[in-house]
């Protein structure tokens, strides 16, 4: 799990790439949850929280 402090150290490009990868991962996990059993359902929650952290940092930098 990526901490907020680690995310703040990333460049804007790295944050955008991480956000894109996490969204794709969340999409795949949602599909997997609908079609079969997830190994760990908490992964959905963790991915959503990571997306929120990244978006928060991006909004802070935009201000």
PDB file of N, CA and C in Angstrom:
ATOM      1  N   UNK A   1       0.837  -1.175   0.000  1.00  0.00           N
ATOM      2  CA  UNK A   1       0.000   0.000   0.000  1.00  0.00           C
ATOM      3  C   UNK A   1       0.884   1.240   0.000  1.00  0.00           C
ATOM      4  N   UNK A   2       0.521   2.186  -0.826  1.00  0.00           N
ATOM      5  CA  UNK A   2       1.288   3.411  -0.960  1.00  0.00           C
ATOM      6  C   UNK A   2       0.782   4.444   0.048  1.00  0.00           C
ATOM      7  N   UNK A   3       1.690   4.984   0.809  1.00  0.00           N
ATOM      8  CA  UNK A   3       1.344   5.998   1.796  1.00  0.00           C
ATOM      9  C   UNK A   3       1.246   7.361   1.119  1.00  0.00           C
ATOM     10  N   UNK A   4       0.521   8.269   1.745  1.00  0.00           N
ATOM     11  CA  UNK A   4       0.355   9.610   1.196  1.00  0.00           C
ATOM     12  C   UNK A   4       1.699  10.320   1.077  1.00  0.00           C
ATOM     13  N   UNK A   5       2.589  10.103   2.029  1.00  0.00           N
ATOM     14  CA  UNK A   5       3.909  10.747   1.972  1.00  0.00           C
ATOM     15  C   UNK A   5       4.687  10.278   0.747  1.00  0.00           C
ATOM     16  N   UNK A   6       4.578   8.979   0.432  1.00  0.00           N
ATOM     17  CA  UNK A   6       5.256   8.453  -0.753  1.00  0.00           C
ATOM     18  C   UNK A   6       4.658   9.051  -2.024  1.00  0.00           C
ATOM     19  N   UNK A   7       3.347   9.229  -2.037  1.00  0.00           N
ATOM     20  CA  UNK A   7       2.688   9.800  -3.206  1.00  0.00           C
ATOM     21  C   UNK A   7       3.100  11.254  -3.410  1.00  0.00           C
ATOM     22  N   UNK A   8       3.251  11.985  -2.316  1.00  0.00           N
ATOM     23  CA  UNK A   8       3.634  13.395  -2.415  1.00  0.00           C
ATOM     24  C   UNK A   8       5.037  13.565  -2.997  1.00  0.00           C
ATOM     25  N   UNK A   9       5.891  12.563  -2.820  1.00  0.00           N
ATOM     26  CA  UNK A   9       7.250  12.626  -3.358  1.00  0.00           C
ATOM     27  C   UNK A   9       7.295  12.362  -4.861  1.00  0.00           C
ATOM     28  N   UNK A  10       6.225  11.802  -5.412  1.00  0.00           N
ATOM     29  CA  UNK A  10       6.192  11.486  -6.842  1.00  0.00           C
ATOM     30  C   UNK A  10       5.986  12.750  -7.668  1.00  0.00           C
ATOM     31  N   UNK A  11       6.447  12.687  -8.907  1.00  0.00           N
ATOM     32  CA  UNK A  11       6.212  13.800  -9.825  1.00  0.00           C
ATOM     33  C   UNK A  11       4.768  13.729 -10.329  1.00  0.00           C
ATOM     34  N   UNK A  12       4.327  14.786 -11.005  1.00  0.00           N
ATOM     35  CA  UNK A  12       2.973  14.814 -11.549  1.00  0.00           C
ATOM     36  C   UNK A  12       2.756  13.676 -12.549  1.00  0.00           C
ATOM     37  N   UNK A  13       3.773  13.392 -13.354  1.00  0.00           N
ATOM     38  CA  UNK A  13       3.650  12.331 -14.359  1.00  0.00           C
ATOM     39  C   UNK A  13       3.532  10.964 -13.691  1.00  0.00           C
ATOM     40  N   UNK A  14       4.325  10.754 -12.647  1.00  0.00           N
ATOM     41  CA  UNK A  14       4.268   9.487 -11.928  1.00  0.00           C
ATOM     42  C   UNK A  14       2.902   9.309 -11.256  1.00  0.00           C
ATOM     43  N   UNK A  15       2.370  10.385 -10.697  1.00  0.00           N
ATOM     44  CA  UNK A  15       1.048  10.322 -10.060  1.00  0.00           C
ATOM     45  C   UNK A  15      -0.025   9.970 -11.085  1.00  0.00           C
ATOM     46  N   UNK A  16       0.033  10.601 -12.243  1.00  0.00           N
ATOM     47  CA  UNK A  16      -0.952  10.331 -13.284  1.00  0.00           C
ATOM     48  C   UNK A  16      -0.884   8.884 -13.747  1.00  0.00           C
ATOM     49  N   UNK A  17       0.321   8.381 -13.893  1.00  0.00           N
ATOM     50  CA  UNK A  17       0.501   6.991 -14.316  1.00  0.00           C
ATOM     51  C   UNK A  17      -0.012   6.020 -13.242  1.00  0.00           C
ATOM     52  N   UNK A  18       0.289   6.309 -11.996  1.00  0.00           N
ATOM     53  CA  UNK A  18      -0.185   5.466 -10.897  1.00  0.00           C
ATOM     54  C   UNK A  18      -1.703   5.491 -10.825  1.00  0.00           C
ATOM     55  N   UNK A  19      -2.295   6.661 -11.029  1.00  0.00           N
ATOM     56  CA  UNK A  19      -3.751   6.786 -11.016  1.00  0.00           C
ATOM     57  C   UNK A  19      -4.366   5.945 -12.126  1.00  0.00           C
ATOM     58  N   UNK A  20      -3.802   6.030 -13.310  1.00  0.00           N
ATOM     59  CA  UNK A  20      -4.317   5.263 -14.448  1.00  0.00           C
ATOM     60  C   UNK A  20      -4.223   3.758 -14.177  1.00  0.00           C
ATOM     61  N   UNK A  21      -3.069   3.310 -13.678  1.00  0.00           N
ATOM     62  CA  UNK A  21      -2.872   1.894 -13.390  1.00  0.00           C
ATOM     63  C   UNK A  21      -3.834   1.404 -12.313  1.00  0.00           C
ATOM     64  N   UNK A  22      -4.049   2.218 -11.283  1.00  0.00           N
ATOM     65  CA  UNK A  22      -4.935   1.834 -10.191  1.00  0.00           C
ATOM     66  C   UNK A  22      -6.379   1.762 -10.665  1.00  0.00           C
ATOM     67  N   UNK A  23      -6.792   2.680 -11.517  1.00  0.00           N
ATOM     68  CA  UNK A  23      -8.151   2.631 -12.065  1.00  0.00           C
ATOM     69  C   UNK A  23      -8.357   1.381 -12.910  1.00  0.00           C
ATOM     70  N   UNK A  24      -7.346   1.028 -13.710  1.00  0.00           N
ATOM     71  CA  UNK A  24      -7.445  -0.189 -14.515  1.00  0.00           C
ATOM     72  C   UNK A  24      -7.511  -1.422 -13.619  1.00  0.00           C
ATOM     73  N   UNK A  25      -6.716  -1.418 -12.559  1.00  0.00           N
ATOM     74  CA  UNK A  25      -6.715  -2.532 -11.617  1.00  0.00           C
ATOM     75  C   UNK A  25      -8.085  -2.657 -10.940  1.00  0.00           C
ATOM     76  N   UNK A  26      -8.654  -1.533 -10.546  1.00  0.00           N
ATOM     77  CA  UNK A  26      -9.973  -1.542  -9.915  1.00  0.00           C
ATOM     78  C   UNK A  26     -11.022  -2.075 -10.879  1.00  0.00           C
ATOM     79  N   UNK A  27     -10.957  -1.675 -12.130  1.00  0.00           N
ATOM     80  CA  UNK A  27     -11.900  -2.154 -13.137  1.00  0.00           C
ATOM     81  C   UNK A  27     -11.809  -3.675 -13.273  1.00  0.00           C
ATOM     82  N   UNK A  28     -10.571  -4.185 -13.369  1.00  0.00           N
ATOM     83  CA  UNK A  28     -10.377  -5.635 -13.502  1.00  0.00           C
ATOM     84  C   UNK A  28     -10.892  -6.379 -12.282  1.00  0.00           C
ATOM     85  N   UNK A  29     -10.658  -5.818 -11.110  1.00  0.00           N
ATOM     86  CA  UNK A  29     -11.132  -6.469  -9.882  1.00  0.00           C
ATOM     87  C   UNK A  29     -12.660  -6.452  -9.797  1.00  0.00           C
ATOM     88  N   UNK A  30     -13.285  -5.384 -10.258  1.00  0.00           N
ATOM     89  CA  UNK A  30     -14.750  -5.346 -10.264  1.00  0.00           C
ATOM     90  C   UNK A  30     -15.324  -6.407 -11.192  1.00  0.00           C
ATOM     91  N   UNK A  31     -14.708  -6.545 -12.362  1.00  0.00           N
ATOM     92  CA  UNK A  31     -15.152  -7.597 -13.277  1.00  0.00           C
ATOM     93  C   UNK A  31     -14.973  -8.973 -12.644  1.00  0.00           C
ATOM     94  N   UNK A  32     -13.846  -9.179 -12.025  1.00  0.00           N
ATOM     95  CA  UNK A  32     -13.560 -10.444 -11.380  1.00  0.00           C
ATOM     96  C   UNK A  32     -14.562 -10.710 -10.253  1.00  0.00           C
ATOM     97  N   UNK A  33     -14.941  -9.673  -9.534  1.00  0.00           N
ATOM     98  CA  UNK A  33     -15.897  -9.832  -8.437  1.00  0.00           C
ATOM     99  C   UNK A  33     -17.260 -10.263  -8.965  1.00  0.00           C
ATOM    100  N   UNK A  34     -17.616  -9.809 -10.156  1.00  0.00           N
ATOM    101  CA  UNK A  34     -18.908 -10.162 -10.735  1.00  0.00           C
ATOM    102  C   UNK A  34     -18.903 -11.562 -11.335  1.00  0.00           C
ATOM    103  N   UNK A  35     -17.782 -11.986 -11.875  1.00  0.00           N
ATOM    104  CA  UNK A  35     -17.742 -13.258 -12.591  1.00  0.00           C
ATOM    105  C   UNK A  35     -17.255 -14.429 -11.743  1.00  0.00           C
ATOM    106  N   UNK A  36     -16.441 -14.142 -10.730  1.00  0.00           N
ATOM    107  CA  UNK A  36     -15.908 -15.209  -9.893  1.00  0.00           C
ATOM    108  C   UNK A  36     -15.562 -14.650  -8.529  1.00  0.00           C
ATOM    109  N   UNK A  37     -15.078 -15.505  -7.680  1.00  0.00           N
ATOM    110  CA  UNK A  37     -14.713 -15.079  -6.335  1.00  0.00           C
ATOM    111  C   UNK A  37     -13.392 -14.313  -6.339  1.00  0.00           C
ATOM    112  N   UNK A  38     -13.347 -13.262  -5.544  1.00  0.00           N
ATOM    113  CA  UNK A  38     -12.099 -12.517  -5.364  1.00  0.00           C
ATOM    114  C   UNK A  38     -11.265 -13.211  -4.289  1.00  0.00           C
ATOM    115  N   UNK A  39      -9.957 -13.183  -4.480  1.00  0.00           N
ATOM    116  CA  UNK A  39      -9.072 -13.737  -3.460  1.00  0.00           C
ATOM    117  C   UNK A  39      -9.169 -12.923  -2.177  1.00  0.00           C
ATOM    118  N   UNK A  40      -9.184 -11.619  -2.333  1.00  0.00           N
ATOM    119  CA  UNK A  40      -9.326 -10.747  -1.163  1.00  0.00           C
ATOM    120  C   UNK A  40     -10.216  -9.556  -1.536  1.00  0.00           C
ATOM    121  N   UNK A  41     -11.455  -9.559  -1.087  1.00  0.00           N
ATOM    122  CA  UNK A  41     -12.384  -8.470  -1.406  1.00  0.00           C
ATOM    123  C   UNK A  41     -11.908  -7.103  -0.928  1.00  0.00           C
ATOM    124  N   UNK A  42     -11.008  -7.082   0.034  1.00  0.00           N
ATOM    125  CA  UNK A  42     -10.523  -5.800   0.546  1.00  0.00           C
ATOM    126  C   UNK A  42      -9.703  -5.053  -0.503  1.00  0.00           C
ATOM    127  N   UNK A  43      -9.276  -5.731  -1.571  1.00  0.00           N
ATOM    128  CA  UNK A  43      -8.506  -5.070  -2.624  1.00  0.00           C
ATOM    129  C   UNK A  43      -9.328  -3.971  -3.307  1.00  0.00           C
ATOM    130  N   UNK A  44     -10.632  -4.164  -3.429  1.00  0.00           N
ATOM    131  CA  UNK A  44     -11.491  -3.129  -4.017  1.00  0.00           C
ATOM    132  C   UNK A  44     -11.434  -1.864  -3.166  1.00  0.00           C
ATOM    133  N   UNK A  45     -11.569  -2.034  -1.871  1.00  0.00           N
ATOM    134  CA  UNK A  45     -11.542  -0.903  -0.940  1.00  0.00           C
ATOM    135  C   UNK A  45     -10.183  -0.197  -0.986  1.00  0.00           C
ATOM    136  N   UNK A  46      -9.113  -0.966  -0.994  1.00  0.00           N
ATOM    137  CA  UNK A  46      -7.767  -0.390  -1.021  1.00  0.00           C
ATOM    138  C   UNK A  46      -7.532   0.401  -2.305  1.00  0.00           C
ATOM    139  N   UNK A  47      -8.000  -0.116  -3.429  1.00  0.00           N
ATOM    140  CA  UNK A  47      -7.811   0.577  -4.706  1.00  0.00           C
ATOM    141  C   UNK A  47      -8.585   1.895  -4.722  1.00  0.00           C
ATOM    142  N   UNK A  48      -9.822   1.870  -4.225  1.00  0.00           N
ATOM    143  CA  UNK A  48     -10.613   3.108  -4.184  1.00  0.00           C
ATOM    144  C   UNK A  48      -9.957   4.153  -3.298  1.00  0.00           C
ATOM    145  N   UNK A  49      -9.416   3.738  -2.180  1.00  0.00           N
ATOM    146  CA  UNK A  49      -8.756   4.686  -1.279  1.00  0.00           C
ATOM    147  C   UNK A  49      -7.485   5.258  -1.895  1.00  0.00           C
ATOM    148  N   UNK A  50      -6.739   4.422  -2.613  1.00  0.00           N
ATOM    149  CA  UNK A  50      -5.528   4.905  -3.275  1.00  0.00           C
ATOM    150  C   UNK A  50      -5.878   5.927  -4.347  1.00  0.00           C
ATOM    151  N   UNK A  51      -6.937   5.669  -5.110  1.00  0.00           N
ATOM    152  CA  UNK A  51      -7.395   6.621  -6.129  1.00  0.00           C
ATOM    153  C   UNK A  51      -7.762   7.950  -5.466  1.00  0.00           C
ATOM    154  N   UNK A  52      -8.460   7.886  -4.352  1.00  0.00           N
ATOM    155  CA  UNK A  52      -8.855   9.110  -3.640  1.00  0.00           C
ATOM    156  C   UNK A  52      -7.630   9.876  -3.146  1.00  0.00           C
ATOM    157  N   UNK A  53      -6.635   9.157  -2.622  1.00  0.00           N
ATOM    158  CA  UNK A  53      -5.409   9.822  -2.154  1.00  0.00           C
ATOM    159  C   UNK A  53      -4.703  10.547  -3.297  1.00  0.00           C
ATOM    160  N   UNK A  54      -4.589   9.865  -4.423  1.00  0.00           N
ATOM    161  CA  UNK A  54      -3.898  10.468  -5.569  1.00  0.00           C
ATOM    162  C   UNK A  54      -4.648  11.698  -6.053  1.00  0.00           C
ATOM    163  N   UNK A  55      -5.968  11.595  -6.160  1.00  0.00           N
ATOM    164  CA  UNK A  55      -6.758  12.734  -6.626  1.00  0.00           C
ATOM    165  C   UNK A  55      -6.662  13.903  -5.645  1.00  0.00           C
ATOM    166  N   UNK A  56      -6.614  13.622  -4.362  1.00  0.00           N
ATOM    167  CA  UNK A  56      -6.469  14.675  -3.359  1.00  0.00           C
ATOM    168  C   UNK A  56      -5.157  15.419  -3.531  1.00  0.00           C
ATOM    169  N   UNK A  57      -4.087  14.666  -3.722  1.00  0.00           N
ATOM    170  CA  UNK A  57      -2.768  15.287  -3.906  1.00  0.00           C
ATOM    171  C   UNK A  57      -2.737  16.105  -5.193  1.00  0.00           C
ATOM    172  N   UNK A  58      -3.330  15.578  -6.258  1.00  0.00           N
ATOM    173  CA  UNK A  58      -3.374  16.325  -7.523  1.00  0.00           C
ATOM    174  C   UNK A  58      -4.172  17.615  -7.352  1.00  0.00           C
ATOM    175  N   UNK A  59      -5.267  17.579  -6.622  1.00  0.00           N
ATOM    176  CA  UNK A  59      -6.062  18.792  -6.382  1.00  0.00           C
ATOM    177  C   UNK A  59      -5.292  19.796  -5.541  1.00  0.00           C
ATOM    178  N   UNK A  60      -4.552  19.318  -4.545  1.00  0.00           N
ATOM    179  CA  UNK A  60      -3.749  20.217  -3.729  1.00  0.00           C
ATOM    180  C   UNK A  60      -2.702  20.925  -4.577  1.00  0.00           C
ATOM    181  N   UNK A  61      -2.081  20.190  -5.483  1.00  0.00           N
ATOM    182  CA  UNK A  61      -1.057  20.794  -6.346  1.00  0.00           C
ATOM    183  C   UNK A  61      -1.658  21.752  -7.349  1.00  0.00           C
ATOM    184  N   UNK A  62      -2.888  21.509  -7.765  1.00  0.00           N
ATOM    185  CA  UNK A  62      -3.533  22.380  -8.746  1.00  0.00           C
ATOM    186  C   UNK A  62      -3.874  23.742  -8.124  1.00  0.00           C
ATOM    187  N   UNK A  63      -4.077  23.770  -6.826  1.00  0.00           N
ATOM    188  CA  UNK A  63      -4.426  25.038  -6.151  1.00  0.00           C
ATOM    189  C   UNK A  63      -3.277  25.924  -6.012  1.00  0.00           C
TER     190      UNK A  63
END
